[in-house]
């Protein structure tokens, strides 16, 4: 696995973990299926990624090529007592 994995994405969430590590969750468009498959292979093979991000100003809208659909707000289904 030496090839580049390139895709557009938006940052959905950045979390601090209990061990002070960080977890970044990305939203990818439906057109990024190949990149998602490559990321799954990286996970399976337990490889480490060197990530370089290039921010671009882009409108988040419908399912047009290269755009990310706006995600509706999630609500917990867990009942609290």
Protein backbone atom coordinates (compact mmCIF):
# COMPACT_ATOMS: atom_id res chain seq x y z
CA UNK A 1 0.00 0.00 0.00
CA UNK A 2 2.01 2.96 -1.18
CA UNK A 3 -0.55 4.79 -3.32
CA UNK A 4 -2.19 8.04 -2.29
CA UNK A 5 -5.74 7.95 -0.95
CA UNK A 6 -7.35 11.23 -2.00
CA UNK A 7 -10.89 12.41 -1.30
CA UNK A 8 -12.94 15.43 -0.25
CA UNK A 9 -14.40 15.39 3.25
CA UNK A 10 -15.79 17.57 6.00
CA UNK A 11 -14.87 17.26 9.66
CA UNK A 12 -17.95 15.97 11.46
CA UNK A 13 -16.50 15.63 14.95
CA UNK A 14 -13.25 15.89 16.92
CA UNK A 15 -13.22 14.09 20.28
CA UNK A 16 -10.79 13.86 23.19
CA UNK A 17 -10.59 10.26 24.40
CA UNK A 18 -10.26 9.07 27.98
CA UNK A 19 -6.54 8.33 27.42
CA UNK A 20 -6.06 11.90 26.10
CA UNK A 21 -5.85 10.65 22.51
CA UNK A 22 -7.89 12.30 19.78
CA UNK A 23 -10.45 10.87 17.37
CA UNK A 24 -11.45 12.70 14.21
CA UNK A 25 -14.61 11.68 12.36
CA UNK A 26 -14.95 12.68 8.70
CA UNK A 27 -17.98 12.79 6.40
CA UNK A 28 -17.23 11.66 2.85
CA UNK A 29 -19.49 12.04 -0.19
CA UNK A 30 -21.06 8.98 -1.81
CA UNK A 31 -18.57 9.40 -4.66
CA UNK A 32 -15.70 8.46 -2.30
CA UNK A 33 -16.47 4.72 -2.24
CA UNK A 34 -13.01 3.79 -3.57
CA UNK A 35 -11.28 5.94 -0.95
CA UNK A 36 -13.44 4.39 1.79
CA UNK A 37 -12.46 0.90 0.57
CA UNK A 38 -8.79 1.92 0.64
CA UNK A 39 -9.18 3.23 4.21
CA UNK A 40 -10.82 -0.07 5.21
CA UNK A 41 -7.81 -1.94 3.78
CA UNK A 42 -5.47 0.32 5.80
CA UNK A 43 -7.44 -0.53 8.95
CA UNK A 44 -7.40 -4.27 8.17
CA UNK A 45 -3.64 -4.21 7.62
CA UNK A 46 -3.14 -2.07 10.77
CA UNK A 47 -1.10 0.51 8.85
CA UNK A 48 -0.40 4.04 10.08
CA UNK A 49 -1.40 6.99 7.90
CA UNK A 50 0.52 10.22 7.40
CA UNK A 51 -2.28 12.77 6.91
CA UNK A 52 -1.89 16.15 5.17
CA UNK A 53 -5.05 18.24 4.88
CA UNK A 54 -5.69 21.09 2.49
CA UNK A 55 -8.71 23.15 3.58
CA UNK A 56 -10.89 24.44 0.76
CA UNK A 57 -13.83 26.77 0.96
CA UNK A 58 -16.72 24.77 -0.41
CA UNK A 59 -20.47 25.01 0.02
CA UNK A 60 -22.05 22.01 1.71
CA UNK A 61 -25.17 21.13 -0.25
CA UNK A 62 -26.97 18.33 -2.11
CA UNK A 63 -25.47 15.20 -3.63
CA UNK A 64 -23.62 16.92 -6.45
CA UNK A 65 -20.21 15.53 -7.36
CA UNK A 66 -17.59 16.75 -4.92
CA UNK A 67 -19.96 18.06 -2.26
CA UNK A 68 -21.01 16.62 1.07
CA UNK A 69 -24.69 16.41 2.02
CA UNK A 70 -25.62 18.33 5.14
CA UNK A 71 -26.35 15.85 7.91
CA UNK A 72 -29.45 16.18 10.08
CA UNK A 73 -28.94 16.59 13.81
CA UNK A 74 -28.84 13.24 15.63
CA UNK A 75 -30.86 12.64 18.77
CA UNK A 76 -30.16 9.95 21.31
CA UNK A 77 -32.66 7.11 21.51
CA UNK A 78 -31.34 6.07 24.89
CA UNK A 79 -33.92 6.50 27.65
CA UNK A 80 -32.76 8.13 30.86
CA UNK A 81 -34.29 7.31 34.22
